Amino acid sequence: MTANGWFQILVFLALILAVTKPMGVFMTRVFSRERTFLDPVMRPVERLLYRVTGVDETHEMRWTEYATSMLLFSAVSMLLLYLIQRVQGFLPFNPQKFGAVTPTHLAFNTAASFTSNTNWQEYAGETTMSYFTQMAGLAYHNFASAATGIVLGIAFIRGIARRQMETIGNFWVDFVRCCLWVLLPFCVVGALFLVSQGVVQNLKPYDKVTLVESQQVQRVGADGKPVVGTDGKPVMDTVTQQTIAQGPVASQEVIKEFGTNGGGFFNANSAHPFENPSPLTNLFQMFSIFAIGAGLTYTLGRMTGSQAHGWAVWSAMAILFMTGVLVAYWAEARGNPLLASVDQHVSAQQPGGNMEGKEVRFGIANSALFATVTTDASCGAIIGWHDSFTPLGGMVPLVNIMLSEVIFGGVGSGMYGILIYVVLAVFIAGLMVGRTP
C-alpha cells in the first residue's frame, strides 16, 4: 500500500461526502414537487408527457396500485427489448449488419437482465448488438430500470414518513420526474465530459487497420471450437488486420454508472480504453456510481424529518465501505503469497502487488477501490477481473454481493435494502433485551 493510493481513496470518499447533501436536497425537492432550477425547462416537457399518455399527475396511489403500475411497465419494457433484439437485423443504425440476437434465450436473458437493473451479459456487445439496440434498447433500460429503483426507494421513504396516510405517491409522476430532473441532466453533461476525455461517441462503421506485425492465431471452427489438423497440431491462420470497434459509447457509459447498471458497451466493460480512458474518467465513473445512493440517505432524513437518521445510515454505509476497501487494497497490494520468490514490492519500475487481471493505467489502489464500489452498489461495471484477485481481496466483492449490495447500494434498491436491515436489527435487538418490538 502507498500514500498515493490512500490519498486517492480518501479523495473519493470526500467527494461522496460533499455530494450527499446537495444531491439529497435536490431529490427531495424533485419528488416533493417543489420548485427547482430545472423547472422552466422540464416542467413543460413533463406536462406534455402527461397529456399524451393520459396521466393524472394529481392522482395518489396506494401501494398496491403503485406496485402494479411498476410491474406492468417493467413487463412491457422487457418485451419491447426482447423484440428489438430479435429484429435488430431489420432496424436502422446497424452498420455492421448484425442479425437477430441468437439463441432466443440469450435475447430473453438480456431483456430480463437489463429490465431488472441486473445487467448481466452473456455476450460481447461489440460483436452482438447493433447501435440501435445499444441506444434504444439497452441505454433506454439503463434509464428506466434506474428510475424504477429510485422511485421505489422514494415510495418506501414516503411510507415511513406518511404514518397515517394510505397513499405513497404516483408511480408515473415519480418515474417521469426522476428521468427528467435527476437522470437526464447529469447524463447529458456527464456524456459530454467523457467525450472530452476521449470516450468514443459516433455512429460510424467499425474501422479496419493493418497490423505492424502479422500475428499467428489458431483457427476457430463454426462450432466455436479451436481447429486441430489430422496430425494433431493446431491449424493456424495469419492475421494482418485488426477491427477497431466503436459506436455511441459515452451516452451509454454515463448512465451505466450513474444508474448503477453496469452493462458495458464493450466486452471488456470499463477496462476498455474507449469506455474509460484515464484515471480522471475512472474517478468520475466511481463517483457516478455512489452519487445517488449517497444522496438518498440525506433524502431519507429530510423527508422523514430526522436528518440524524439519514446521516446515521450514511455513516454505517461509509464504515462498511471503508472496511471493504481496506481489506481489498491490503490483500492486493501485498501480492500473491504463492510467488514469494518474485519481487512484488512497489518501485519506480513496477506497481507491485497482485497485478494479474488489472489495468496498468489504474493500478492496485484504483482496482481495489473500483471493485469495492461496484459491488457495494450492485453496478456490475469492472476495471479488473475479480476472479484474478487474491483470496482475501476477492472476498470483499463476494461479501458485498452477499450483503445484497446495500452499501450505498443500487440506486433506490440500496436504500430500501438497508432500511429493511435496520428494521430487522431493531426487531432482533428488541427480542434480545426481552422487549416486544
Protein backbone atom coordinates (compact mmCIF):
# COMPACT_ATOMS: atom_id res chain seq x y z
CA MET A 1 0.00 0.00 0.00
CA THR A 2 1.19 3.54 -0.77
CA ALA A 3 0.38 7.03 0.47
CA ASN A 4 -0.65 7.95 -3.07
CA GLY A 5 -3.12 5.05 -3.14
CA TRP A 6 -4.70 6.03 0.16
CA PHE A 7 -4.83 9.67 -0.92
CA GLN A 8 -6.90 8.69 -3.98
CA ILE A 9 -9.25 6.58 -1.85
CA LEU A 10 -9.76 9.39 0.69
CA VAL A 11 -10.34 11.96 -2.08
CA PHE A 12 -13.05 9.70 -3.47
CA LEU A 13 -14.75 9.38 -0.07
CA ALA A 14 -14.54 13.16 0.41
CA LEU A 15 -16.25 13.72 -2.96
CA ILE A 16 -19.07 11.35 -1.97
CA LEU A 17 -19.49 13.17 1.34
CA ALA A 18 -19.54 16.51 -0.46
CA VAL A 19 -22.24 15.45 -2.95
CA THR A 20 -24.51 13.81 -0.35
CA LYS A 21 -26.33 16.91 0.88
CA PRO A 22 -26.84 18.78 -2.43
CA MET A 23 -27.96 15.59 -4.18
CA GLY A 24 -30.25 14.70 -1.29
CA VAL A 25 -31.81 18.15 -1.11
CA PHE A 26 -32.32 18.24 -4.86
CA MET A 27 -34.03 14.84 -4.97
CA THR A 28 -36.23 15.81 -2.03
CA ARG A 29 -37.42 18.89 -3.90
CA VAL A 30 -37.95 16.93 -7.11
CA PHE A 31 -40.07 14.20 -5.53
CA SER A 32 -41.90 16.61 -3.22
CA ARG A 33 -42.77 18.60 -6.35
CA GLU A 34 -41.12 21.75 -5.04
CA ARG A 35 -39.59 24.25 -7.43
CA THR A 36 -36.06 23.61 -8.72
CA PHE A 37 -33.75 25.43 -11.13
CA LEU A 38 -34.68 22.93 -13.88
CA ASP A 39 -38.43 23.63 -13.72
CA PRO A 40 -38.54 26.25 -16.50
CA VAL A 41 -37.11 23.66 -18.93
CA MET A 42 -38.51 20.38 -17.63
CA ARG A 43 -41.98 21.35 -16.45
CA PRO A 44 -43.40 21.99 -19.97
CA VAL A 45 -41.95 18.65 -21.13
CA GLU A 46 -43.49 16.93 -18.12
CA ARG A 47 -46.95 18.39 -18.79
CA LEU A 48 -46.74 17.35 -22.43
CA LEU A 49 -45.88 13.77 -21.48
CA TYR A 50 -48.84 13.57 -19.12
CA ARG A 51 -51.16 15.00 -21.75
CA VAL A 52 -50.01 12.50 -24.38
CA THR A 53 -50.14 9.48 -22.04
CA GLY A 54 -53.28 10.47 -20.16
CA VAL A 55 -51.64 10.50 -16.74
CA ASP A 56 -53.38 12.43 -13.95
CA GLU A 57 -50.48 13.98 -12.06
CA THR A 58 -52.69 14.84 -9.07
CA HIS A 59 -53.73 11.22 -8.52
CA GLU A 60 -52.21 9.48 -5.48
CA MET A 61 -51.78 5.69 -5.43
CA ARG A 62 -51.99 3.08 -2.71
CA TRP A 63 -49.03 0.70 -2.56
CA THR A 64 -50.92 -1.97 -4.50
CA GLU A 65 -51.62 0.34 -7.42
CA TYR A 66 -48.08 1.71 -7.29
CA ALA A 67 -46.57 -1.79 -7.39
CA THR A 68 -48.93 -2.95 -10.14
CA SER A 69 -48.03 0.05 -12.31
CA MET A 70 -44.34 -0.67 -11.82
CA LEU A 71 -44.68 -4.35 -12.69
CA LEU A 72 -46.80 -3.71 -15.79
CA PHE A 73 -44.38 -1.04 -17.03
CA SER A 74 -41.41 -3.37 -16.48
CA ALA A 75 -43.12 -6.27 -18.25
CA VAL A 76 -43.93 -4.18 -21.33
CA SER A 77 -40.40 -2.71 -21.37
CA MET A 78 -38.87 -6.17 -21.14
CA LEU A 79 -40.98 -7.45 -24.05
CA LEU A 80 -40.01 -4.41 -26.13
CA LEU A 81 -36.29 -5.01 -25.54
CA TYR A 82 -36.67 -8.68 -26.44
CA LEU A 83 -38.38 -7.77 -29.72
CA ILE A 84 -35.74 -5.17 -30.59
CA GLN A 85 -33.02 -7.78 -30.21
CA ARG A 86 -34.87 -10.34 -32.28
CA VAL A 87 -35.49 -7.98 -35.22
CA GLN A 88 -32.37 -5.80 -35.00
CA GLY A 89 -31.25 -7.03 -38.43
CA PHE A 90 -34.14 -5.07 -39.97
CA LEU A 91 -33.68 -1.94 -37.85
CA PRO A 92 -31.56 1.15 -38.67
CA PHE A 93 -28.16 2.11 -37.19
CA ASN A 94 -26.65 -1.29 -37.85
CA PRO A 95 -23.53 -0.61 -39.94
CA GLN A 96 -22.02 -3.99 -39.03
CA LYS A 97 -25.12 -5.77 -40.38
CA PHE A 98 -25.66 -7.80 -37.22
CA GLY A 99 -28.57 -10.20 -37.42
CA ALA A 100 -31.04 -11.15 -34.72
CA VAL A 101 -29.61 -11.86 -31.27
CA THR A 102 -29.47 -15.66 -31.05
CA PRO A 103 -30.22 -18.03 -29.48
CA THR A 104 -33.62 -16.85 -28.29
CA HIS A 105 -32.82 -17.49 -24.66
CA LEU A 106 -29.88 -15.06 -24.91
CA ALA A 107 -32.23 -12.28 -26.06
CA PHE A 108 -34.68 -13.18 -23.28
CA ASN A 109 -31.89 -13.31 -20.70
CA THR A 110 -30.59 -9.90 -21.76
CA ALA A 111 -34.07 -8.37 -21.71
CA ALA A 112 -34.77 -9.70 -18.22
CA SER A 113 -31.33 -8.67 -17.01
CA PHE A 114 -31.50 -5.06 -18.22
CA THR A 115 -35.12 -4.60 -17.14
CA SER A 116 -34.28 -5.61 -13.57
CA ASN A 117 -31.08 -3.49 -13.42
CA THR A 118 -29.05 -6.69 -13.18
CA ASN A 119 -27.27 -6.06 -16.50
CA TRP A 120 -25.65 -9.49 -16.54
CA GLN A 121 -24.17 -10.02 -20.00
CA GLU A 122 -23.65 -13.36 -21.72
CA TYR A 123 -22.47 -11.75 -24.95
CA ALA A 124 -19.81 -9.37 -26.26
CA GLY A 125 -21.54 -6.09 -27.06
CA GLU A 126 -19.29 -5.11 -29.95
CA THR A 127 -19.97 -8.37 -31.82
CA THR A 128 -23.65 -8.85 -30.94
CA MET A 129 -25.64 -5.64 -30.57
CA SER A 130 -26.34 -3.02 -33.25
CA TYR A 131 -26.12 0.66 -32.43
CA PHE A 132 -29.92 0.85 -32.42
CA THR A 133 -30.17 -1.97 -29.88
CA GLN A 134 -27.48 -0.38 -27.75
CA MET A 135 -29.23 3.01 -27.76
CA ALA A 136 -32.97 2.36 -27.98
CA GLY A 137 -32.85 -0.95 -26.13
CA LEU A 138 -30.05 -1.19 -23.59
CA ALA A 139 -29.39 2.51 -22.85
CA TYR A 140 -33.16 3.13 -22.54
CA HIS A 141 -33.38 0.33 -19.97
CA ASN A 142 -30.40 1.78 -18.14
CA PHE A 143 -32.55 4.87 -17.58
CA ALA A 144 -35.84 3.03 -16.98
CA SER A 145 -34.54 0.43 -14.53
CA ALA A 146 -32.57 3.05 -12.59
CA ALA A 147 -35.58 5.35 -12.38
CA THR A 148 -37.77 2.46 -11.25
CA GLY A 149 -35.37 1.62 -8.43
CA ILE A 150 -35.12 5.24 -7.32
CA VAL A 151 -38.87 5.84 -7.22
CA LEU A 152 -39.43 2.61 -5.29
CA GLY A 153 -36.90 3.87 -2.75
CA ILE A 154 -38.73 7.19 -2.58
CA ALA A 155 -42.06 5.36 -2.15
CA PHE A 156 -40.55 3.34 0.71
CA ILE A 157 -39.38 6.56 2.38
CA ARG A 158 -42.84 8.09 1.94
CA GLY A 159 -44.32 5.00 3.57
CA ILE A 160 -42.18 5.72 6.63
CA ALA A 161 -42.86 9.46 6.62
CA ARG A 162 -46.64 9.27 5.97
CA ARG A 163 -47.59 7.32 9.06
CA GLN A 164 -51.31 7.99 8.89
CA MET A 165 -51.78 8.08 5.11
CA GLU A 166 -52.75 5.26 2.75
CA THR A 167 -51.05 6.61 -0.39
CA ILE A 168 -47.36 6.73 -1.33
CA GLY A 169 -47.37 8.90 -4.47
CA ASN A 170 -47.92 8.27 -8.16
CA PHE A 171 -45.56 5.86 -9.94
CA TRP A 172 -45.88 7.54 -13.34
CA VAL A 173 -45.24 11.03 -11.96
CA ASP A 174 -42.29 9.87 -9.87
CA PHE A 175 -40.84 7.97 -12.83
CA VAL A 176 -41.11 10.90 -15.23
CA ARG A 177 -39.67 13.38 -12.75
CA CYS A 178 -36.80 11.03 -11.94
CA CYS A 179 -35.87 10.69 -15.61
CA LEU A 180 -36.28 14.37 -16.49
CA TRP A 181 -34.88 16.03 -13.37
CA VAL A 182 -32.43 13.55 -11.85
CA LEU A 183 -31.02 11.24 -14.53
CA LEU A 184 -31.14 13.07 -17.86
CA PRO A 185 -29.39 16.37 -16.97
CA PHE A 186 -26.46 14.67 -15.25
CA CYS A 187 -26.09 12.18 -18.09
CA VAL A 188 -26.06 14.86 -20.79
CA VAL A 189 -23.31 16.79 -19.01
CA GLY A 190 -21.50 13.60 -17.99
CA ALA A 191 -21.52 12.20 -21.54
CA LEU A 192 -20.03 15.44 -22.88
CA PHE A 193 -17.34 15.28 -20.20
CA LEU A 194 -16.50 11.69 -21.13
CA VAL A 195 -16.27 12.62 -24.81
CA SER A 196 -13.90 15.46 -23.89
CA GLN A 197 -11.68 12.90 -22.16
CA GLY A 198 -11.56 10.51 -25.11
CA VAL A 199 -14.58 8.23 -24.74
CA VAL A 200 -15.94 7.36 -28.20
CA GLN A 201 -19.33 8.69 -29.37
CA ASN A 202 -20.24 8.14 -33.02
CA LEU A 203 -22.33 6.07 -35.41
CA LYS A 204 -19.54 5.09 -37.78
CA PRO A 205 -18.90 1.55 -39.03
CA TYR A 206 -16.01 -0.25 -37.37
CA ASP A 207 -12.57 0.62 -38.75
CA LYS A 208 -10.02 -1.89 -40.00
CA VAL A 209 -6.32 -1.17 -39.56
CA THR A 210 -3.25 -3.03 -40.78
CA LEU A 211 -1.10 -4.53 -38.06
CA VAL A 212 2.54 -3.50 -37.78
CA GLU A 213 3.38 -7.19 -37.44
CA SER A 214 1.19 -10.04 -38.63
CA GLN A 215 0.02 -12.46 -35.96
CA GLN A 216 -0.50 -16.22 -35.94
CA VAL A 217 -3.77 -17.30 -34.29
CA GLN A 218 -5.42 -20.68 -34.05
CA ARG A 219 -8.36 -21.13 -36.42
CA VAL A 220 -11.79 -21.40 -34.80
CA GLY A 221 -14.47 -23.58 -36.38
CA ALA A 222 -18.16 -22.81 -36.92
CA ASP A 223 -18.90 -24.57 -33.63
CA GLY A 224 -16.68 -22.08 -31.79
CA LYS A 225 -14.01 -24.65 -31.01
CA PRO A 226 -10.31 -24.45 -32.00
CA VAL A 227 -9.50 -26.41 -35.16
CA VAL A 228 -6.92 -29.17 -34.95
CA GLY A 229 -5.34 -30.82 -38.02
CA THR A 230 -5.13 -34.53 -38.78
CA ASP A 231 -1.60 -34.51 -37.34
CA GLY A 232 -2.99 -33.33 -34.01
CA LYS A 233 -1.44 -29.89 -34.33
CA PRO A 234 -3.46 -26.65 -34.19
CA VAL A 235 -4.43 -25.11 -37.54
CA MET A 236 -3.06 -21.56 -37.61
CA ASP A 237 -4.19 -18.51 -39.59
CA THR A 238 -2.18 -15.38 -40.30
CA VAL A 239 -3.92 -12.18 -39.18
CA THR A 240 -2.83 -8.93 -40.83
CA GLN A 241 -5.74 -6.63 -39.89
CA GLN A 242 -7.47 -5.59 -36.69
CA THR A 243 -11.06 -4.38 -36.36
CA ILE A 244 -11.50 -1.27 -34.17
CA ALA A 245 -14.98 -1.37 -32.63
CA GLN A 246 -16.64 1.95 -31.80
CA GLY A 247 -20.10 3.49 -31.54
CA PRO A 248 -22.31 5.60 -29.21
CA VAL A 249 -20.31 4.67 -26.12
CA ALA A 250 -20.22 7.84 -23.96
CA SER A 251 -24.01 8.25 -23.85
CA GLN A 252 -24.38 4.70 -22.56
CA GLU A 253 -21.34 4.78 -20.29
CA VAL A 254 -22.55 7.64 -18.11
CA ILE A 255 -25.98 6.16 -17.33
CA LYS A 256 -24.33 2.75 -16.91
CA GLU A 257 -22.56 4.17 -13.86
CA PHE A 258 -24.99 6.85 -12.65
CA GLY A 259 -27.86 4.35 -12.71
CA THR A 260 -25.69 1.56 -11.21
CA ASN A 261 -26.46 -0.62 -14.22
CA GLY A 262 -23.05 -1.95 -15.20
CA GLY A 263 -23.67 -3.44 -18.65
CA GLY A 264 -20.71 -2.46 -20.82
CA PHE A 265 -20.83 -1.36 -24.44
CA PHE A 266 -17.71 -3.48 -24.95
CA ASN A 267 -16.98 -6.93 -23.62
CA ALA A 268 -14.09 -5.58 -21.51
CA ASN A 269 -16.50 -3.13 -19.82
CA SER A 270 -14.84 -0.17 -18.07
CA ALA A 271 -11.41 -1.75 -18.52
CA HIS A 272 -11.72 -0.87 -22.23
CA PRO A 273 -9.92 2.41 -23.10
CA PHE A 274 -12.85 3.54 -25.26
CA GLU A 275 -15.12 3.35 -22.19
CA ASN A 276 -12.69 4.51 -19.52
CA PRO A 277 -9.52 6.03 -20.96
CA SER A 278 -7.86 7.69 -17.95
CA PRO A 279 -7.65 7.89 -14.14
CA LEU A 280 -9.83 11.01 -14.28
CA THR A 281 -12.65 9.25 -16.12
CA ASN A 282 -12.20 6.34 -13.71
CA LEU A 283 -12.73 8.68 -10.73
CA PHE A 284 -15.74 10.22 -12.44
CA GLN A 285 -17.28 6.81 -13.06
CA MET A 286 -16.81 5.68 -9.45
CA PHE A 287 -18.26 8.97 -8.24
CA SER A 288 -21.27 8.48 -10.51
CA ILE A 289 -21.91 5.01 -9.08
CA PHE A 290 -22.22 6.28 -5.49
CA ALA A 291 -23.73 9.74 -6.05
CA ILE A 292 -27.44 8.87 -5.98
CA GLY A 293 -27.11 6.20 -3.29
CA ALA A 294 -25.33 8.66 -1.00
CA GLY A 295 -27.83 11.42 -1.77
CA LEU A 296 -30.78 9.21 -0.92
CA THR A 297 -29.56 8.90 2.68
CA TYR A 298 -29.95 12.67 3.03
CA THR A 299 -33.30 12.50 1.25
CA LEU A 300 -34.37 9.91 3.83
CA GLY A 301 -33.58 12.23 6.70
CA ARG A 302 -35.16 15.27 5.08
CA MET A 303 -38.41 13.54 4.06
CA THR A 304 -38.85 11.81 7.43
CA GLY A 305 -37.97 14.92 9.44
CA SER A 306 -34.98 13.23 11.11
CA GLN A 307 -31.74 14.30 9.46
CA ALA A 308 -29.71 12.48 12.10
CA HIS A 309 -31.35 9.24 10.95
CA GLY A 310 -30.17 9.88 7.41
CA TRP A 311 -26.60 10.61 8.50
CA ALA A 312 -26.62 7.50 10.70
CA VAL A 313 -27.44 5.38 7.65
CA TRP A 314 -24.75 7.18 5.62
CA SER A 315 -22.18 6.61 8.36
CA ALA A 316 -22.98 2.90 8.59
CA MET A 317 -22.59 2.59 4.83
CA ALA A 318 -19.32 4.56 4.87
CA ILE A 319 -17.83 2.37 7.62
CA LEU A 320 -18.69 -0.82 5.73
CA PHE A 321 -17.35 0.69 2.52
CA MET A 322 -14.00 1.73 4.04
CA THR A 323 -13.62 -1.67 5.72
CA GLY A 324 -14.05 -3.35 2.35
CA VAL A 325 -11.56 -1.02 0.64
CA LEU A 326 -9.01 -1.54 3.42
CA VAL A 327 -9.13 -5.32 3.15
CA ALA A 328 -9.16 -5.39 -0.67
CA TYR A 329 -6.33 -2.86 -1.04
CA TRP A 330 -4.18 -4.55 1.61
CA ALA A 331 -4.70 -8.02 0.15
CA GLU A 332 -3.95 -6.96 -3.43
CA ALA A 333 -1.01 -4.72 -2.55
CA ARG A 334 0.81 -7.46 -0.61
CA GLY A 335 0.90 -9.63 -3.72
CA ASN A 336 0.42 -13.30 -4.34
CA PRO A 337 1.84 -15.39 -1.46
CA LEU A 338 2.46 -18.30 -3.85
CA LEU A 339 5.02 -16.17 -5.69
CA ALA A 340 7.24 -15.48 -2.71
CA SER A 341 10.39 -15.74 -4.84
CA VAL A 342 9.19 -12.94 -7.13
CA ASP A 343 9.79 -9.30 -6.27
CA GLN A 344 6.28 -7.87 -5.74
CA HIS A 345 7.27 -4.67 -3.94
CA VAL A 346 6.41 -1.20 -5.18
CA SER A 347 9.26 0.52 -7.02
CA ALA A 348 9.87 3.11 -9.70
CA GLN A 349 9.79 0.32 -12.28
CA GLN A 350 6.71 -1.61 -11.14
CA PRO A 351 3.44 -1.05 -9.22
CA GLY A 352 4.00 -4.12 -7.07
CA GLY A 353 1.32 -6.34 -5.60
CA ASN A 354 -1.02 -8.64 -7.49
CA MET A 355 -1.40 -7.07 -10.93
CA GLU A 356 -2.96 -10.11 -12.58
CA GLY A 357 -6.25 -9.16 -14.28
CA LYS A 358 -5.75 -5.44 -13.63
CA GLU A 359 -5.27 -2.47 -15.96
CA VAL A 360 -1.80 -0.98 -15.59
CA ARG A 361 -3.17 2.53 -16.13
CA PHE A 362 -5.28 2.18 -12.96
CA GLY A 363 -3.05 0.09 -10.69
CA ILE A 364 -3.71 -1.68 -7.41
CA ALA A 365 -5.40 1.10 -5.41
CA ASN A 366 -7.95 2.07 -8.05
CA SER A 367 -8.64 -1.55 -8.98
CA ALA A 368 -9.37 -2.45 -5.34
CA LEU A 369 -11.44 0.72 -4.92
CA PHE A 370 -13.46 0.17 -8.09
CA ALA A 371 -14.12 -3.49 -7.21
CA THR A 372 -15.43 -2.44 -3.80
CA VAL A 373 -17.53 0.42 -5.17
CA THR A 374 -19.17 -1.54 -7.97
CA THR A 375 -20.13 -4.48 -5.73
CA ASP A 376 -21.26 -2.16 -2.94
CA ALA A 377 -23.67 -0.58 -5.40
CA SER A 378 -24.82 -3.59 -7.46
CA CYS A 379 -23.39 -1.85 -10.50
CA GLY A 380 -21.50 -4.60 -12.31
CA ALA A 381 -19.07 -2.31 -14.10
CA ILE A 382 -15.47 -3.51 -13.76
CA ILE A 383 -11.93 -2.36 -14.49
CA GLY A 384 -10.27 -5.58 -13.32
CA TRP A 385 -11.21 -9.24 -13.25
CA HIS A 386 -12.41 -10.11 -9.77
CA ASP A 387 -11.53 -13.78 -10.18
CA SER A 388 -7.89 -12.70 -10.52
CA PHE A 389 -7.90 -11.09 -7.08
CA THR A 390 -6.19 -12.87 -4.20
CA PRO A 391 -8.49 -14.95 -1.96
CA LEU A 392 -8.82 -12.21 0.66
CA GLY A 393 -9.06 -9.44 -1.93
CA GLY A 394 -11.71 -11.36 -3.86
CA MET A 395 -13.60 -11.98 -0.64
CA VAL A 396 -14.58 -8.30 -0.46
CA PRO A 397 -16.65 -8.19 -3.70
CA LEU A 398 -18.20 -11.53 -2.72
CA VAL A 399 -19.19 -10.31 0.76
CA ASN A 400 -20.62 -7.11 -0.72
CA ILE A 401 -22.78 -9.16 -3.08
CA MET A 402 -23.89 -11.45 -0.24
CA LEU A 403 -24.91 -8.37 1.79
CA SER A 404 -27.40 -7.68 -1.03
CA GLU A 405 -25.27 -4.75 -2.25
CA VAL A 406 -26.75 -2.20 0.15
CA ILE A 407 -23.58 -0.23 0.97
CA PHE A 408 -24.79 2.98 -0.71
CA GLY A 409 -26.19 0.31 -2.97
CA GLY A 410 -28.00 0.25 -6.26
CA VAL A 411 -29.99 3.41 -6.92
CA GLY A 412 -33.08 3.12 -4.74
CA SER A 413 -32.61 -0.57 -4.01
CA GLY A 414 -29.66 0.16 -1.72
CA MET A 415 -31.83 2.50 0.32
CA TYR A 416 -34.82 0.24 0.85
CA GLY A 417 -32.46 -2.72 1.29
CA ILE A 418 -30.55 -1.08 4.13
CA LEU A 419 -33.81 0.11 5.71
CA ILE A 420 -35.05 -3.48 5.79
CA TYR A 421 -31.82 -4.36 7.64
CA VAL A 422 -32.49 -1.50 10.06
CA VAL A 423 -35.99 -2.79 10.76
CA LEU A 424 -34.69 -6.33 11.28
CA ALA A 425 -31.91 -5.08 13.57
CA VAL A 426 -34.37 -3.18 15.74
CA PHE A 427 -36.68 -6.20 15.86
CA ILE A 428 -33.91 -8.63 16.82
CA ALA A 429 -32.42 -6.19 19.35
CA GLY A 430 -35.87 -5.87 20.93
CA LEU A 431 -36.13 -9.62 21.28
CA MET A 432 -32.64 -9.86 22.79
CA VAL A 433 -33.42 -7.37 25.57
CA GLY A 434 -36.74 -9.02 26.30
CA ARG A 435 -38.98 -6.27 24.96
CA THR A 436 -41.78 -6.55 22.42
CA PRO A 437 -40.58 -4.81 19.22
